[in-house]
Amino acid sequence: MVDALYLAAVTLLFVPWVYGLYALVRDTRNRYLPLARQYLDGRRRQKQQSEADREREEQERQLY
């Protein structure tokens, strides 16, 4: 009797814990990874823009 009750209690506590882990993974994949990608893309764009600006300024200096 005690073993069955213990098994039922452990099962009832384990199911929400597993669902919580699943929800964490799902939220990370659907919410935080796209934000991280967007951030990294923005940084790459800024770097490319600053390099292009530097090259343009250097060419302008060479022309004068």
PDB file of N, CA and C in Angstrom:
ATOM      1  N   MET A   1       0.823  -1.197   0.000  1.00  0.00           N
ATOM      2  CA  MET A   1       0.000   0.000   0.000  1.00  0.00           C
ATOM      3  C   MET A   1       0.867   1.261   0.000  1.00  0.00           C
ATOM      4  N   VAL A   2       1.871   1.274   0.869  1.00  0.00           N
ATOM      5  CA  VAL A   2       2.744   2.441   0.956  1.00  0.00           C
ATOM      6  C   VAL A   2       3.552   2.590  -0.326  1.00  0.00           C
ATOM      7  N   ASP A   3       3.985   1.453  -0.899  1.00  0.00           N
ATOM      8  CA  ASP A   3       4.761   1.514  -2.135  1.00  0.00           C
ATOM      9  C   ASP A   3       3.940   2.103  -3.279  1.00  0.00           C
ATOM     10  N   ALA A   4       2.679   1.714  -3.381  1.00  0.00           N
ATOM     11  CA  ALA A   4       1.825   2.228  -4.452  1.00  0.00           C
ATOM     12  C   ALA A   4       1.568   3.720  -4.257  1.00  0.00           C
ATOM     13  N   LEU A   5       1.351   4.128  -3.010  1.00  0.00           N
ATOM     14  CA  LEU A   5       1.126   5.543  -2.729  1.00  0.00           C
ATOM     15  C   LEU A   5       2.378   6.362  -3.034  1.00  0.00           C
ATOM     16  N   TYR A   6       3.526   5.825  -2.673  1.00  0.00           N
ATOM     17  CA  TYR A   6       4.795   6.499  -2.950  1.00  0.00           C
ATOM     18  C   TYR A   6       5.010   6.626  -4.457  1.00  0.00           C
ATOM     19  N   LEU A   7       4.748   5.568  -5.183  1.00  0.00           N
ATOM     20  CA  LEU A   7       4.902   5.579  -6.638  1.00  0.00           C
ATOM     21  C   LEU A   7       3.952   6.595  -7.285  1.00  0.00           C
ATOM     22  N   ALA A   8       2.726   6.659  -6.808  1.00  0.00           N
ATOM     23  CA  ALA A   8       1.760   7.620  -7.352  1.00  0.00           C
ATOM     24  C   ALA A   8       2.204   9.054  -7.056  1.00  0.00           C
ATOM     25  N   ALA A   9       2.685   9.305  -5.851  1.00  0.00           N
ATOM     26  CA  ALA A   9       3.127  10.654  -5.488  1.00  0.00           C
ATOM     27  C   ALA A   9       4.338  11.074  -6.313  1.00  0.00           C
ATOM     28  N   VAL A  10       5.285  10.164  -6.480  1.00  0.00           N
ATOM     29  CA  VAL A  10       6.472  10.478  -7.277  1.00  0.00           C
ATOM     30  C   VAL A  10       6.084  10.743  -8.726  1.00  0.00           C
ATOM     31  N   THR A  11       5.172   9.957  -9.257  1.00  0.00           N
ATOM     32  CA  THR A  11       4.718  10.146 -10.634  1.00  0.00           C
ATOM     33  C   THR A  11       4.019  11.486 -10.790  1.00  0.00           C
ATOM     34  N   LEU A  12       3.155  11.833  -9.846  1.00  0.00           N
ATOM     35  CA  LEU A  12       2.443  13.106  -9.930  1.00  0.00           C
ATOM     36  C   LEU A  12       3.390  14.303  -9.822  1.00  0.00           C
ATOM     37  N   LEU A  13       4.479  14.153  -9.080  1.00  0.00           N
ATOM     38  CA  LEU A  13       5.445  15.237  -8.974  1.00  0.00           C
ATOM     39  C   LEU A  13       6.394  15.276 -10.169  1.00  0.00           C
ATOM     40  N   PHE A  14       6.638  14.139 -10.769  1.00  0.00           N
ATOM     41  CA  PHE A  14       7.577  14.049 -11.876  1.00  0.00           C
ATOM     42  C   PHE A  14       6.995  14.620 -13.163  1.00  0.00           C
ATOM     43  N   VAL A  15       5.711  14.410 -13.406  1.00  0.00           N
ATOM     44  CA  VAL A  15       5.080  14.854 -14.655  1.00  0.00           C
ATOM     45  C   VAL A  15       5.158  16.379 -14.816  1.00  0.00           C
ATOM     46  N   PRO A  16       4.792  17.188 -13.827  1.00  0.00           N
ATOM     47  CA  PRO A  16       4.921  18.647 -14.011  1.00  0.00           C
ATOM     48  C   PRO A  16       6.375  19.096 -14.172  1.00  0.00           C
ATOM     49  N   TRP A  17       7.290  18.403 -13.515  1.00  0.00           N
ATOM     50  CA  TRP A  17       8.704  18.741 -13.630  1.00  0.00           C
ATOM     51  C   TRP A  17       9.187  18.518 -15.060  1.00  0.00           C
ATOM     52  N   VAL A  18       8.812  17.392 -15.644  1.00  0.00           N
ATOM     53  CA  VAL A  18       9.191  17.100 -17.028  1.00  0.00           C
ATOM     54  C   VAL A  18       8.533  18.101 -17.974  1.00  0.00           C
ATOM     55  N   TYR A  19       7.270  18.430 -17.730  1.00  0.00           N
ATOM     56  CA  TYR A  19       6.603  19.412 -18.580  1.00  0.00           C
ATOM     57  C   TYR A  19       7.277  20.781 -18.460  1.00  0.00           C
ATOM     58  N   GLY A  20       7.732  21.124 -17.267  1.00  0.00           N
ATOM     59  CA  GLY A  20       8.446  22.383 -17.082  1.00  0.00           C
ATOM     60  C   GLY A  20       9.734  22.423 -17.886  1.00  0.00           C
ATOM     61  N   LEU A  21      10.470  21.324 -17.899  1.00  0.00           N
ATOM     62  CA  LEU A  21      11.683  21.257 -18.718  1.00  0.00           C
ATOM     63  C   LEU A  21      11.350  21.375 -20.197  1.00  0.00           C
ATOM     64  N   TYR A  22      10.292  20.691 -20.618  1.00  0.00           N
ATOM     65  CA  TYR A  22       9.859  20.766 -22.014  1.00  0.00           C
ATOM     66  C   TYR A  22       9.477  22.202 -22.377  1.00  0.00           C
ATOM     67  N   ALA A  23       8.743  22.874 -21.499  1.00  0.00           N
ATOM     68  CA  ALA A  23       8.324  24.251 -21.764  1.00  0.00           C
ATOM     69  C   ALA A  23       9.533  25.184 -21.825  1.00  0.00           C
ATOM     70  N   LEU A  24      10.516  24.956 -20.966  1.00  0.00           N
ATOM     71  CA  LEU A  24      11.726  25.769 -20.988  1.00  0.00           C
ATOM     72  C   LEU A  24      12.466  25.617 -22.313  1.00  0.00           C
ATOM     73  N   VAL A  25      12.615  24.390 -22.766  1.00  0.00           N
ATOM     74  CA  VAL A  25      13.295  24.147 -24.045  1.00  0.00           C
ATOM     75  C   VAL A  25      12.507  24.765 -25.187  1.00  0.00           C
ATOM     76  N   ARG A  26      11.200  24.593 -25.172  1.00  0.00           N
ATOM     77  CA  ARG A  26      10.348  25.141 -26.234  1.00  0.00           C
ATOM     78  C   ARG A  26      10.425  26.664 -26.262  1.00  0.00           C
ATOM     79  N   ASP A  27      10.330  27.296 -25.099  1.00  0.00           N
ATOM     80  CA  ASP A  27      10.399  28.754 -25.041  1.00  0.00           C
ATOM     81  C   ASP A  27      11.768  29.264 -25.484  1.00  0.00           C
ATOM     82  N   THR A  28      12.810  28.565 -25.070  1.00  0.00           N
ATOM     83  CA  THR A  28      14.155  28.974 -25.470  1.00  0.00           C
ATOM     84  C   THR A  28      14.299  28.908 -26.977  1.00  0.00           C
ATOM     85  N   ARG A  29      13.827  27.824 -27.558  1.00  0.00           N
ATOM     86  CA  ARG A  29      13.960  27.649 -29.005  1.00  0.00           C
ATOM     87  C   ARG A  29      13.099  28.642 -29.775  1.00  0.00           C
ATOM     88  N   ASN A  30      11.905  28.918 -29.309  1.00  0.00           N
ATOM     89  CA  ASN A  30      10.982  29.762 -30.065  1.00  0.00           C
ATOM     90  C   ASN A  30      11.101  31.246 -29.759  1.00  0.00           C
ATOM     91  N   ARG A  31      11.619  31.604 -28.593  1.00  0.00           N
ATOM     92  CA  ARG A  31      11.658  33.013 -28.217  1.00  0.00           C
ATOM     93  C   ARG A  31      13.076  33.559 -28.166  1.00  0.00           C
ATOM     94  N   TYR A  32      13.959  32.878 -27.457  1.00  0.00           N
ATOM     95  CA  TYR A  32      15.269  33.451 -27.198  1.00  0.00           C
ATOM     96  C   TYR A  32      16.260  33.229 -28.331  1.00  0.00           C
ATOM     97  N   LEU A  33      16.193  32.106 -29.025  1.00  0.00           N
ATOM     98  CA  LEU A  33      17.103  31.894 -30.146  1.00  0.00           C
ATOM     99  C   LEU A  33      16.859  32.887 -31.280  1.00  0.00           C
ATOM    100  N   PRO A  34      15.610  33.162 -31.662  1.00  0.00           N
ATOM    101  CA  PRO A  34      15.416  34.196 -32.684  1.00  0.00           C
ATOM    102  C   PRO A  34      15.919  35.575 -32.234  1.00  0.00           C
ATOM    103  N   LEU A  35      15.758  35.905 -30.964  1.00  0.00           N
ATOM    104  CA  LEU A  35      16.277  37.182 -30.467  1.00  0.00           C
ATOM    105  C   LEU A  35      17.799  37.221 -30.544  1.00  0.00           C
ATOM    106  N   ALA A  36      18.437  36.114 -30.204  1.00  0.00           N
ATOM    107  CA  ALA A  36      19.896  36.057 -30.282  1.00  0.00           C
ATOM    108  C   ALA A  36      20.357  36.176 -31.731  1.00  0.00           C
ATOM    109  N   ARG A  37      19.665  35.499 -32.638  1.00  0.00           N
ATOM    110  CA  ARG A  37      20.026  35.605 -34.058  1.00  0.00           C
ATOM    111  C   ARG A  37      19.845  37.031 -34.559  1.00  0.00           C
ATOM    112  N   GLN A  38      18.762  37.662 -34.168  1.00  0.00           N
ATOM    113  CA  GLN A  38      18.497  39.037 -34.585  1.00  0.00           C
ATOM    114  C   GLN A  38      19.588  39.971 -34.051  1.00  0.00           C
ATOM    115  N   TYR A  39      19.984  39.770 -32.816  1.00  0.00           N
ATOM    116  CA  TYR A  39      21.037  40.590 -32.219  1.00  0.00           C
ATOM    117  C   TYR A  39      22.353  40.420 -32.976  1.00  0.00           C
ATOM    118  N   LEU A  40      22.713  39.155 -33.259  1.00  0.00           N
ATOM    119  CA  LEU A  40      23.967  38.902 -33.964  1.00  0.00           C
ATOM    120  C   LEU A  40      23.932  39.450 -35.386  1.00  0.00           C
ATOM    121  N   ASP A  41      22.797  39.322 -36.058  1.00  0.00           N
ATOM    122  CA  ASP A  41      22.667  39.890 -37.404  1.00  0.00           C
ATOM    123  C   ASP A  41      22.824  41.404 -37.374  1.00  0.00           C
ATOM    124  N   GLY A  42      22.242  42.043 -36.379  1.00  0.00           N
ATOM    125  CA  GLY A  42      22.376  43.489 -36.239  1.00  0.00           C
ATOM    126  C   GLY A  42      23.818  43.907 -36.008  1.00  0.00           C
ATOM    127  N   ARG A  43      24.536  43.142 -35.186  1.00  0.00           N
ATOM    128  CA  ARG A  43      25.948  43.457 -34.942  1.00  0.00           C
ATOM    129  C   ARG A  43      26.765  43.291 -36.209  1.00  0.00           C
ATOM    130  N   ARG A  44      26.474  42.230 -36.980  1.00  0.00           N
ATOM    131  CA  ARG A  44      27.190  42.033 -38.245  1.00  0.00           C
ATOM    132  C   ARG A  44      26.915  43.186 -39.208  1.00  0.00           C
ATOM    133  N   ARG A  45      25.653  43.601 -39.286  1.00  0.00           N
ATOM    134  CA  ARG A  45      25.302  44.717 -40.173  1.00  0.00           C
ATOM    135  C   ARG A  45      26.017  45.998 -39.759  1.00  0.00           C
ATOM    136  N   GLN A  46      26.078  46.256 -38.456  1.00  0.00           N
ATOM    137  CA  GLN A  46      26.772  47.454 -37.975  1.00  0.00           C
ATOM    138  C   GLN A  46      28.255  47.402 -38.320  1.00  0.00           C
ATOM    139  N   LYS A  47      28.853  46.224 -38.161  1.00  0.00           N
ATOM    140  CA  LYS A  47      30.274  46.077 -38.467  1.00  0.00           C
ATOM    141  C   LYS A  47      30.522  46.293 -39.955  1.00  0.00           C
ATOM    142  N   GLN A  48      29.686  45.701 -40.797  1.00  0.00           N
ATOM    143  CA  GLN A  48      29.838  45.881 -42.237  1.00  0.00           C
ATOM    144  C   GLN A  48      29.635  47.342 -42.623  1.00  0.00           C
ATOM    145  N   GLN A  49      28.667  47.990 -42.010  1.00  0.00           N
ATOM    146  CA  GLN A  49      28.401  49.398 -42.308  1.00  0.00           C
ATOM    147  C   GLN A  49      29.578  50.269 -41.898  1.00  0.00           C
ATOM    148  N   SER A  50      30.145  50.004 -40.724  1.00  0.00           N
ATOM    149  CA  SER A  50      31.274  50.822 -40.274  1.00  0.00           C
ATOM    150  C   SER A  50      32.497  50.582 -41.158  1.00  0.00           C
ATOM    151  N   GLU A  51      32.713  49.336 -41.604  1.00  0.00           N
ATOM    152  CA  GLU A  51      33.824  49.063 -42.514  1.00  0.00           C
ATOM    153  C   GLU A  51      33.609  49.767 -43.850  1.00  0.00           C
ATOM    154  N   ALA A  52      32.396  49.751 -44.349  1.00  0.00           N
ATOM    155  CA  ALA A  52      32.095  50.433 -45.608  1.00  0.00           C
ATOM    156  C   ALA A  52      32.292  51.939 -45.456  1.00  0.00           C
ATOM    157  N   ASP A  53      31.879  52.495 -44.325  1.00  0.00           N
ATOM    158  CA  ASP A  53      32.071  53.926 -44.081  1.00  0.00           C
ATOM    159  C   ASP A  53      33.554  54.276 -44.019  1.00  0.00           C
ATOM    160  N   ARG A  54      34.339  53.434 -43.338  1.00  0.00           N
ATOM    161  CA  ARG A  54      35.777  53.678 -43.245  1.00  0.00           C
ATOM    162  C   ARG A  54      36.428  53.653 -44.626  1.00  0.00           C
ATOM    163  N   GLU A  55      36.058  52.648 -45.437  1.00  0.00           N
ATOM    164  CA  GLU A  55      36.622  52.554 -46.783  1.00  0.00           C
ATOM    165  C   GLU A  55      36.228  53.765 -47.625  1.00  0.00           C
ATOM    166  N   ARG A  56      34.986  54.193 -47.511  1.00  0.00           N
ATOM    167  CA  ARG A  56      34.522  55.352 -48.272  1.00  0.00           C
ATOM    168  C   ARG A  56      35.270  56.613 -47.846  1.00  0.00           C
ATOM    169  N   GLU A  57      35.453  56.794 -46.552  1.00  0.00           N
ATOM    170  CA  GLU A  57      36.191  57.961 -46.064  1.00  0.00           C
ATOM    171  C   GLU A  57      37.644  57.922 -46.519  1.00  0.00           C
ATOM    172  N   GLU A  58      38.225  56.733 -46.517  1.00  0.00           N
ATOM    173  CA  GLU A  58      39.611  56.607 -46.959  1.00  0.00           C
ATOM    174  C   GLU A  58      39.737  56.937 -48.445  1.00  0.00           C
ATOM    175  N   GLN A  59      38.798  56.481 -49.240  1.00  0.00           N
ATOM    176  CA  GLN A  59      38.821  56.797 -50.669  1.00  0.00           C
ATOM    177  C   GLN A  59      38.619  58.289 -50.892  1.00  0.00           C
ATOM    178  N   GLU A  60      37.750  58.914 -50.111  1.00  0.00           N
ATOM    179  CA  GLU A  60      37.543  60.360 -50.236  1.00  0.00           C
ATOM    180  C   GLU A  60      38.810  61.124 -49.880  1.00  0.00           C
ATOM    181  N   ARG A  61      39.530  60.676 -48.846  1.00  0.00           N
ATOM    182  CA  ARG A  61      40.783  61.326 -48.461  1.00  0.00           C
ATOM    183  C   ARG A  61      41.827  61.196 -49.563  1.00  0.00           C
ATOM    184  N   GLN A  62      41.863  60.032 -50.212  1.00  0.00           N
ATOM    185  CA  GLN A  62      42.843  59.816 -51.273  1.00  0.00           C
ATOM    186  C   GLN A  62      42.534  60.671 -52.497  1.00  0.00           C
ATOM    187  N   LEU A  63      41.268  60.966 -52.718  1.00  0.00           N
ATOM    188  CA  LEU A  63      40.901  61.779 -53.875  1.00  0.00           C
ATOM    189  C   LEU A  63      41.318  63.232 -53.709  1.00  0.00           C
ATOM    190  N   TYR A  64      41.406  63.726 -52.476  1.00  0.00           N
ATOM    191  CA  TYR A  64      41.731  65.147 -52.263  1.00  0.00           C
ATOM    192  C   TYR A  64      43.156  65.346 -51.955  1.00  0.00           C
TER     193      TYR A  64
END
